[in-house]
Amino acid sequence: MTDPAPHLGRPGRGDGAPPDRTLPSSALLQGARCVQIVHNGTVYRLHATRLGKLILTK
């Protein structure tokens, strides 16, 4: 499988850390226009707009 966003991540940082993990938005949204993400006990909403933009709100 090819990387859907090869410009993302930091593979050449040089500090020995692994590159950031890259996921396509479709893996998070799974056909929905909005999903809730819980991070450190706080709920965030990731919303895909009709224009194809992503908005993350608290």
Foldseek 3Di string as FASTA:
>chain_A
DDDPCVVDWCPPPPPPDHTDDDDPVCVVQVPHQKDWDADPNDIWIWGQDPVGDIDIGD
